[in-house]
C-alpha atoms as a PDB file:
ATOM      1  CA  UNK A   1      75.584 103.493 102.207  1.00  0.00           C
ATOM      2  CA  UNK A   2      79.012 102.825 100.628  1.00  0.00           C
ATOM      3  CA  UNK A   3      79.577 104.194  97.158  1.00  0.00           C
ATOM      4  CA  UNK A   4      81.004 101.875  94.539  1.00  0.00           C
ATOM      5  CA  UNK A   5      84.138 102.945  92.723  1.00  0.00           C
ATOM      6  CA  UNK A   6      83.538 103.892  89.096  1.00  0.00           C
ATOM      7  CA  UNK A   7      86.681 102.348  87.598  1.00  0.00           C
ATOM      8  CA  UNK A   8      86.347 103.840  84.109  1.00  0.00           C
ATOM      9  CA  UNK A   9      85.651 107.360  85.375  1.00  0.00           C
ATOM     10  CA  UNK A  10      88.662 107.099  87.703  1.00  0.00           C
ATOM     11  CA  UNK A  11      90.989 105.822  84.960  1.00  0.00           C
ATOM     12  CA  UNK A  12      91.323 102.482  86.721  1.00  0.00           C
ATOM     13  CA  UNK A  13      90.855  98.891  85.592  1.00  0.00           C
ATOM     14  CA  UNK A  14      89.954  95.723  87.426  1.00  0.00           C
ATOM     15  CA  UNK A  15      92.696  93.103  87.427  1.00  0.00           C
ATOM     16  CA  UNK A  16      92.334  89.627  88.835  1.00  0.00           C
ATOM     17  CA  UNK A  17      94.587  88.499  91.666  1.00  0.00           C
ATOM     18  CA  UNK A  18      95.738  85.644  89.460  1.00  0.00           C
ATOM     19  CA  UNK A  19      96.832  88.072  86.737  1.00  0.00           C
ATOM     20  CA  UNK A  20      98.749  90.171  89.242  1.00  0.00           C
ATOM     21  CA  UNK A  21     100.469  87.078  90.667  1.00  0.00           C
ATOM     22  CA  UNK A  22     101.359  85.854  87.162  1.00  0.00           C
ATOM     23  CA  UNK A  23     102.768  89.268  86.229  1.00  0.00           C
ATOM     24  CA  UNK A  24     104.965  89.338  89.319  1.00  0.00           C
ATOM     25  CA  UNK A  25     106.132  85.757  88.754  1.00  0.00           C
ATOM     26  CA  UNK A  26     107.035  86.470  85.122  1.00  0.00           C
ATOM     27  CA  UNK A  27     108.924  89.636  86.036  1.00  0.00           C
ATOM     28  CA  UNK A  28     110.833  87.887  88.824  1.00  0.00           C
ATOM     29  CA  UNK A  29     111.648  84.989  86.492  1.00  0.00           C
ATOM     30  CA  UNK A  30     112.794  87.177  83.595  1.00  0.00           C
ATOM     31  CA  UNK A  31     114.165  90.284  85.320  1.00  0.00           C
ATOM     32  CA  UNK A  32     115.440  88.866  88.610  1.00  0.00           C
ATOM     33  CA  UNK A  33     116.022  91.471  91.302  1.00  0.00           C
ATOM     34  CA  UNK A  34     115.075  94.296  88.929  1.00  0.00           C
ATOM     35  CA  UNK A  35     111.463  93.056  89.026  1.00  0.00           C
ATOM     36  CA  UNK A  36     110.959  94.689  92.420  1.00  0.00           C
ATOM     37  CA  UNK A  37     112.015  98.083  91.072  1.00  0.00           C
ATOM     38  CA  UNK A  38     109.807  97.759  87.988  1.00  0.00           C
ATOM     39  CA  UNK A  39     106.747  96.916  90.049  1.00  0.00           C
ATOM     40  CA  UNK A  40     107.462  99.610  92.661  1.00  0.00           C
ATOM     41  CA  UNK A  41     107.832 102.185  89.897  1.00  0.00           C
ATOM     42  CA  UNK A  42     104.523 101.095  88.355  1.00  0.00           C
ATOM     43  CA  UNK A  43     102.786 101.266  91.731  1.00  0.00           C
ATOM     44  CA  UNK A  44     104.176 104.724  92.414  1.00  0.00           C
ATOM     45  CA  UNK A  45     103.101 105.927  88.960  1.00  0.00           C
ATOM     46  CA  UNK A  46      99.526 104.900  89.712  1.00  0.00           C
ATOM     47  CA  UNK A  47      99.437 106.539  93.127  1.00  0.00           C
ATOM     48  CA  UNK A  48      98.270 109.929  91.889  1.00  0.00           C
ATOM     49  CA  UNK A  49      95.234 108.502  90.107  1.00  0.00           C
ATOM     50  CA  UNK A  50      94.492 106.198  93.038  1.00  0.00           C
ATOM     51  CA  UNK A  51      94.515 109.191  95.388  1.00  0.00           C
ATOM     52  CA  UNK A  52      92.213 111.097  93.008  1.00  0.00           C
ATOM     53  CA  UNK A  53      89.861 108.093  92.992  1.00  0.00           C
ATOM     54  CA  UNK A  54      89.906 107.987  96.799  1.00  0.00           C
ATOM     55  CA  UNK A  55      89.136 111.700  96.928  1.00  0.00           C
ATOM     56  CA  UNK A  56      86.189 111.278  94.511  1.00  0.00           C
ATOM     57  CA  UNK A  57      84.960 108.306  96.523  1.00  0.00           C
ATOM     58  CA  UNK A  58      85.018 110.387  99.732  1.00  0.00           C
ATOM     59  CA  UNK A  59      83.255 113.302  98.060  1.00  0.00           C
ATOM     60  CA  UNK A  60      80.533 110.975  96.728  1.00  0.00           C
ATOM     61  CA  UNK A  61      79.847 110.038 100.354  1.00  0.00           C
ATOM     62  CA  UNK A  62      79.680 113.684 101.412  1.00  0.00           C
ATOM     63  CA  UNK A  63      82.891 113.505 103.438  1.00  0.00           C
ATOM     64  CA  UNK A  64      84.920 116.186 101.652  1.00  0.00           C
ATOM     65  CA  UNK A  65      88.591 115.734 100.849  1.00  0.00           C
ATOM     66  CA  UNK A  66      91.078 113.459 102.634  1.00  0.00           C
ATOM     67  CA  UNK A  67      92.708 116.492 104.261  1.00  0.00           C
ATOM     68  CA  UNK A  68      89.391 117.338 105.960  1.00  0.00           C
ATOM     69  CA  UNK A  69      89.214 114.046 107.868  1.00  0.00           C
ATOM     70  CA  UNK A  70      90.460 113.492 111.388  1.00  0.00           C
ATOM     71  CA  UNK A  71      92.863 110.580 111.806  1.00  0.00           C
ATOM     72  CA  UNK A  72      90.344 107.955 113.006  1.00  0.00           C
ATOM     73  CA  UNK A  73      87.901 108.826 110.204  1.00  0.00           C
ATOM     74  CA  UNK A  74      90.696 108.801 107.615  1.00  0.00           C
ATOM     75  CA  UNK A  75      91.837 105.365 108.810  1.00  0.00           C
ATOM     76  CA  UNK A  76      88.289 103.983 108.653  1.00  0.00           C
ATOM     77  CA  UNK A  77      87.572 105.421 105.213  1.00  0.00           C
ATOM     78  CA  UNK A  78      90.939 104.466 103.702  1.00  0.00           C
ATOM     79  CA  UNK A  79      90.462 100.878 104.827  1.00  0.00           C
ATOM     80  CA  UNK A  80      86.925 100.849 103.372  1.00  0.00           C
ATOM     81  CA  UNK A  81      88.185 102.299 100.098  1.00  0.00           C
ATOM     82  CA  UNK A  82      90.995  99.768  99.639  1.00  0.00           C
ATOM     83  CA  UNK A  83      88.636  96.919 100.503  1.00  0.00           C
ATOM     84  CA  UNK A  84      85.988  98.226  98.073  1.00  0.00           C
ATOM     85  CA  UNK A  85      88.676  98.609  95.381  1.00  0.00           C
ATOM     86  CA  UNK A  86      89.464  94.908  95.765  1.00  0.00           C
ATOM     87  CA  UNK A  87      92.873  95.246  97.408  1.00  0.00           C
ATOM     88  CA  UNK A  88      91.854  93.805 100.765  1.00  0.00           C
ATOM     89  CA  UNK A  89      91.379  94.902 104.342  1.00  0.00           C
ATOM     90  CA  UNK A  90      93.832  97.125 106.183  1.00  0.00           C
ATOM     91  CA  UNK A  91      94.511  97.927 109.794  1.00  0.00           C
ATOM     92  CA  UNK A  92      96.412 101.177 110.249  1.00  0.00           C
ATOM     93  CA  UNK A  93      98.591 101.678 113.309  1.00  0.00           C
ATOM     94  CA  UNK A  94     101.968 102.876 114.503  1.00  0.00           C
ATOM     95  CA  UNK A  95     105.117 101.272 115.803  1.00  0.00           C
ATOM     96  CA  UNK A  96     106.762 103.231 118.613  1.00  0.00           C
ATOM     97  CA  UNK A  97     105.359 106.435 117.085  1.00  0.00           C
ATOM     98  CA  UNK A  98     108.270 106.267 114.638  1.00  0.00           C
ATOM     99  CA  UNK A  99     106.543 104.648 111.665  1.00  0.00           C
ATOM    100  CA  UNK A 100     103.004 103.972 110.517  1.00  0.00           C
ATOM    101  CA  UNK A 101     102.001 100.345 110.010  1.00  0.00           C
ATOM    102  CA  UNK A 102      99.567  98.854 107.546  1.00  0.00           C
ATOM    103  CA  UNK A 103      98.600  95.256 108.332  1.00  0.00           C
ATOM    104  CA  UNK A 104      96.499  92.961 106.178  1.00  0.00           C
ATOM    105  CA  UNK A 105      95.720  89.260 106.162  1.00  0.00           C
ATOM    106  CA  UNK A 106      94.083  89.291 102.725  1.00  0.00           C
ATOM    107  CA  UNK A 107      96.030  91.715 100.513  1.00  0.00           C
ATOM    108  CA  UNK A 108      95.410  91.148  96.800  1.00  0.00           C
ATOM    109  CA  UNK A 109      99.046  91.301  95.707  1.00  0.00           C
ATOM    110  CA  UNK A 110     100.117  88.633  98.190  1.00  0.00           C
ATOM    111  CA  UNK A 111     100.192  85.058  96.922  1.00  0.00           C
ATOM    112  CA  UNK A 112     100.671  82.481  99.687  1.00  0.00           C
ATOM    113  CA  UNK A 113     101.539  79.892  97.013  1.00  0.00           C
ATOM    114  CA  UNK A 114     104.508  81.967  95.760  1.00  0.00           C
ATOM    115  CA  UNK A 115     106.934  80.734  98.476  1.00  0.00           C
ATOM    116  CA  UNK A 116     109.121  83.824  98.076  1.00  0.00           C
ATOM    117  CA  UNK A 117     112.291  84.284 100.119  1.00  0.00           C
ATOM    118  CA  UNK A 118     111.437  87.936 100.834  1.00  0.00           C
ATOM    119  CA  UNK A 119     108.292  90.061 100.997  1.00  0.00           C
ATOM    120  CA  UNK A 120     106.923  90.501  97.491  1.00  0.00           C
ATOM    121  CA  UNK A 121     104.152  93.125  97.388  1.00  0.00           C
ATOM    122  CA  UNK A 122     106.329  95.429  95.300  1.00  0.00           C
ATOM    123  CA  UNK A 123     103.540  97.168  93.377  1.00  0.00           C
ATOM    124  CA  UNK A 124     101.851  97.963  96.678  1.00  0.00           C
ATOM    125  CA  UNK A 125     104.951  99.504  98.252  1.00  0.00           C
ATOM    126  CA  UNK A 126     105.216 101.974  95.379  1.00  0.00           C
ATOM    127  CA  UNK A 127     101.479 102.661  95.406  1.00  0.00           C
ATOM    128  CA  UNK A 128     101.444 103.273  99.176  1.00  0.00           C
ATOM    129  CA  UNK A 129     104.501 105.550  98.996  1.00  0.00           C
ATOM    130  CA  UNK A 130     102.739 107.888  96.586  1.00  0.00           C
ATOM    131  CA  UNK A 131      99.246 107.596  98.102  1.00  0.00           C
ATOM    132  CA  UNK A 132     100.258 108.186 101.734  1.00  0.00           C
ATOM    133  CA  UNK A 133     102.876 110.749 100.716  1.00  0.00           C
ATOM    134  CA  UNK A 134     100.022 112.829  99.305  1.00  0.00           C
ATOM    135  CA  UNK A 135      98.226 112.629 102.658  1.00  0.00           C
ATOM    136  CA  UNK A 136     101.391 113.612 104.521  1.00  0.00           C
ATOM    137  CA  UNK A 137     102.193 116.285 101.910  1.00  0.00           C
ATOM    138  CA  UNK A 138     105.810 115.123 101.744  1.00  0.00           C
ATOM    139  CA  UNK A 139     107.629 112.087 100.323  1.00  0.00           C
ATOM    140  CA  UNK A 140     107.365 108.874 102.287  1.00  0.00           C
ATOM    141  CA  UNK A 141     109.105 105.525 101.963  1.00  0.00           C
ATOM    142  CA  UNK A 142     107.386 102.173 102.372  1.00  0.00           C
ATOM    143  CA  UNK A 143     108.988  98.887 103.363  1.00  0.00           C
ATOM    144  CA  UNK A 144     107.162  95.578 103.476  1.00  0.00           C
ATOM    145  CA  UNK A 145     108.555  93.609 106.427  1.00  0.00           C
ATOM    146  CA  UNK A 146     106.149  90.659 106.568  1.00  0.00           C
ATOM    147  CA  UNK A 147     104.417  89.061 103.585  1.00  0.00           C
ATOM    148  CA  UNK A 148     101.985  86.244 103.005  1.00  0.00           C
ATOM    149  CA  UNK A 149     103.908  85.512  99.766  1.00  0.00           C
ATOM    150  CA  UNK A 150     106.890  84.641 101.960  1.00  0.00           C
ATOM    151  CA  UNK A 151     104.965  82.486 104.430  1.00  0.00           C
ATOM    152  CA  UNK A 152     103.871  85.091 106.992  1.00  0.00           C
ATOM    153  CA  UNK A 153     100.306  85.145 108.284  1.00  0.00           C
ATOM    154  CA  UNK A 154      99.905  88.775 107.218  1.00  0.00           C
ATOM    155  CA  UNK A 155     101.499  91.465 105.121  1.00  0.00           C
ATOM    156  CA  UNK A 156     102.919  94.343 107.143  1.00  0.00           C
ATOM    157  CA  UNK A 157     104.067  97.577 105.585  1.00  0.00           C
ATOM    158  CA  UNK A 158     106.039 100.248 107.443  1.00  0.00           C
ATOM    159  CA  UNK A 159     105.682 103.854 106.301  1.00  0.00           C
ATOM    160  CA  UNK A 160     107.969 106.705 107.323  1.00  0.00           C
ATOM    161  CA  UNK A 161     110.323 109.330 106.071  1.00  0.00           C
ATOM    162  CA  UNK A 162     113.224 108.218 103.898  1.00  0.00           C
ATOM    163  CA  UNK A 163     115.811 108.605 106.666  1.00  0.00           C
ATOM    164  CA  UNK A 164     113.925 106.427 109.157  1.00  0.00           C
ATOM    165  CA  UNK A 165     113.034 103.807 106.582  1.00  0.00           C
ATOM    166  CA  UNK A 166     116.621 103.771 105.269  1.00  0.00           C
ATOM    167  CA  UNK A 167     117.819 103.074 108.813  1.00  0.00           C
ATOM    168  CA  UNK A 168     115.298 100.229 109.230  1.00  0.00           C
ATOM    169  CA  UNK A 169     116.248  98.747 105.848  1.00  0.00           C
ATOM    170  CA  UNK A 170     119.984  98.909 106.608  1.00  0.00           C
ATOM    171  CA  UNK A 171     119.538  97.358 110.042  1.00  0.00           C
ATOM    172  CA  UNK A 172     117.410  94.560 108.633  1.00  0.00           C
ATOM    173  CA  UNK A 173     120.114  93.934 106.023  1.00  0.00           C
ATOM    174  CA  UNK A 174     122.552  93.488 108.906  1.00  0.00           C
ATOM    175  CA  UNK A 175     120.280  90.880 110.505  1.00  0.00           C
ATOM    176  CA  UNK A 176     118.369  93.054 112.986  1.00  0.00           C
ATOM    177  CA  UNK A 177     114.610  92.589 113.291  1.00  0.00           C
ATOM    178  CA  UNK A 178     112.479  95.461 112.062  1.00  0.00           C
ATOM    179  CA  UNK A 179     111.017  95.888 115.552  1.00  0.00           C
ATOM    180  CA  UNK A 180     114.493  96.382 117.034  1.00  0.00           C
ATOM    181  CA  UNK A 181     115.501  98.701 114.186  1.00  0.00           C
ATOM    182  CA  UNK A 182     112.431 100.877 114.765  1.00  0.00           C
ATOM    183  CA  UNK A 183     113.092 100.936 118.536  1.00  0.00           C
ATOM    184  CA  UNK A 184     116.488 102.494 117.829  1.00  0.00           C
ATOM    185  CA  UNK A 185     114.906 105.413 115.932  1.00  0.00           C
ATOM    186  CA  UNK A 186     114.879 108.562 118.012  1.00  0.00           C
END
């Protein structure tokens, strides 16, 4: 039986999707491009406590720590945790064994009404960088390449080391698709 997440005990709070969308909209309006950095920084800052909450959630189910799980079990439990925490469903995969992918059609930070020009789940990219970096035991970078806030049918996040993700980001800036940029990674 799934265990609920004790928000207060885990130093977490519930926030409505509408509040999160309004916060992002206000930051984008008032801070322009800097809004992305502010939200990423906030997401990253919360990653440690989120990981601790995930660990407690696993232990409450008798599964031990995240490091004890095999990859399929980790993927299943991480997706259950994020869904139970209200973020949405996740499908974890890989792209050419060069980067991990996280796909979701119902992510809480995404706002299909936002009509953004670029992916906009900035808080999530910071949060995922810290959270999954703790699993990998080394720093990871996260890049959102598809977003429901920008008209896509899903949000897709790529996770990899800073060098790989820097290459993908630079190539996308030059007009290359993320799929082609990842294919070029050796």
